[in-house]
């Protein structure tokens, strides 16, 4: 299945952090990727992410303003499983 691509906009990229705003239309995806840095996600909108990982597929609700973090090495594809546009900011720690 071919999906629309999520749209990343790099806001800051310096020696300490990389900050990227991600915008997803309904059904849009990041594509499979592996995180090379620890990161924090700050949801801007409520929404529902579908995560495809080697261990399976699961849904993860997002609540605006409720952040979470993950460690280096996470490998997955992230999809907007909701009916509304979804936006979050990802802060990668270098």
Protein backbone atom coordinates (compact mmCIF):
# COMPACT_ATOMS: atom_id res chain seq x y z
CA UNK A 1 0.00 0.00 0.00
CA UNK A 2 1.29 3.45 -0.91
CA UNK A 3 0.66 6.14 1.70
CA UNK A 4 1.20 9.88 1.68
CA UNK A 5 4.38 10.99 3.43
CA UNK A 6 4.43 12.93 6.68
CA UNK A 7 6.03 16.35 6.29
CA UNK A 8 9.08 17.13 8.48
CA UNK A 9 10.24 20.71 9.03
CA UNK A 10 13.56 21.10 10.82
CA UNK A 11 13.30 24.06 13.20
CA UNK A 12 16.67 23.78 15.00
CA UNK A 13 19.77 21.75 14.16
CA UNK A 14 22.87 22.54 16.17
CA UNK A 15 25.62 20.66 18.01
CA UNK A 16 23.29 19.70 20.90
CA UNK A 17 19.79 19.09 19.48
CA UNK A 18 17.74 18.64 16.35
CA UNK A 19 14.13 19.84 16.57
CA UNK A 20 11.71 18.73 13.85
CA UNK A 21 8.02 19.49 13.49
CA UNK A 22 6.16 16.56 11.92
CA UNK A 23 2.80 17.06 10.16
CA UNK A 24 0.70 14.08 9.15
CA UNK A 25 -2.42 14.14 7.01
CA UNK A 26 -4.80 11.27 7.84
CA UNK A 27 -3.10 8.04 6.72
CA UNK A 28 0.32 9.67 6.15
CA UNK A 29 3.48 7.87 7.30
CA UNK A 30 7.12 8.57 8.09
CA UNK A 31 8.37 5.45 6.34
CA UNK A 32 10.58 2.89 8.10
CA UNK A 33 13.47 4.51 9.96
CA UNK A 34 15.87 3.90 12.85
CA UNK A 35 16.53 6.59 15.45
CA UNK A 36 20.25 7.37 15.80
CA UNK A 37 19.69 9.54 18.88
CA UNK A 38 17.59 9.57 22.05
CA UNK A 39 14.50 11.69 21.45
CA UNK A 40 11.48 13.37 23.00
CA UNK A 41 8.13 13.78 21.25
CA UNK A 42 5.89 16.73 22.16
CA UNK A 43 2.38 16.29 20.67
CA UNK A 44 0.83 19.52 19.43
CA UNK A 45 -2.51 17.92 18.55
CA UNK A 46 -4.46 14.98 19.92
CA UNK A 47 -4.39 11.98 17.61
CA UNK A 48 -3.80 8.30 17.09
CA UNK A 49 -0.48 6.93 15.88
CA UNK A 50 -0.18 3.48 14.38
CA UNK A 51 3.30 2.11 14.97
CA UNK A 52 4.67 -0.63 12.74
CA UNK A 53 7.68 -2.30 14.37
CA UNK A 54 9.55 -5.59 14.04
CA UNK A 55 7.57 -6.86 17.03
CA UNK A 56 4.19 -6.04 15.48
CA UNK A 57 1.76 -3.19 14.90
CA UNK A 58 0.05 -1.26 17.66
CA UNK A 59 -1.88 1.97 18.15
CA UNK A 60 -0.68 4.71 20.46
CA UNK A 61 -2.92 7.66 21.35
CA UNK A 62 -1.34 11.13 21.53
CA UNK A 63 -2.57 13.89 23.81
CA UNK A 64 -1.58 17.47 23.03
CA UNK A 65 1.08 18.63 25.47
CA UNK A 66 1.79 15.17 26.96
CA UNK A 67 5.37 14.33 25.98
CA UNK A 68 7.19 11.00 25.89
CA UNK A 69 10.77 9.89 25.25
CA UNK A 70 12.51 6.96 23.57
CA UNK A 71 16.10 5.74 23.42
CA UNK A 72 18.46 5.44 20.47
CA UNK A 73 17.85 2.44 18.24
CA UNK A 74 14.05 2.52 17.93
CA UNK A 75 13.13 1.27 14.46
CA UNK A 76 9.61 1.74 13.14
CA UNK A 77 7.16 3.29 10.71
CA UNK A 78 4.77 5.88 12.19
CA UNK A 79 1.32 6.38 10.62
CA UNK A 80 -1.50 8.81 11.42
CA UNK A 81 -4.32 6.35 12.12
CA UNK A 82 -6.83 9.12 12.90
CA UNK A 83 -9.26 11.08 10.75
CA UNK A 84 -7.71 14.50 11.54
CA UNK A 85 -4.34 16.08 10.79
CA UNK A 86 -1.73 15.22 13.44
CA UNK A 87 1.25 17.35 14.51
CA UNK A 88 4.11 16.71 16.91
CA UNK A 89 7.55 18.13 17.60
CA UNK A 90 10.46 15.71 17.89
CA UNK A 91 13.53 16.80 19.86
CA UNK A 92 16.58 14.61 19.17
CA UNK A 93 19.42 14.79 21.70
CA UNK A 94 22.87 14.73 20.12
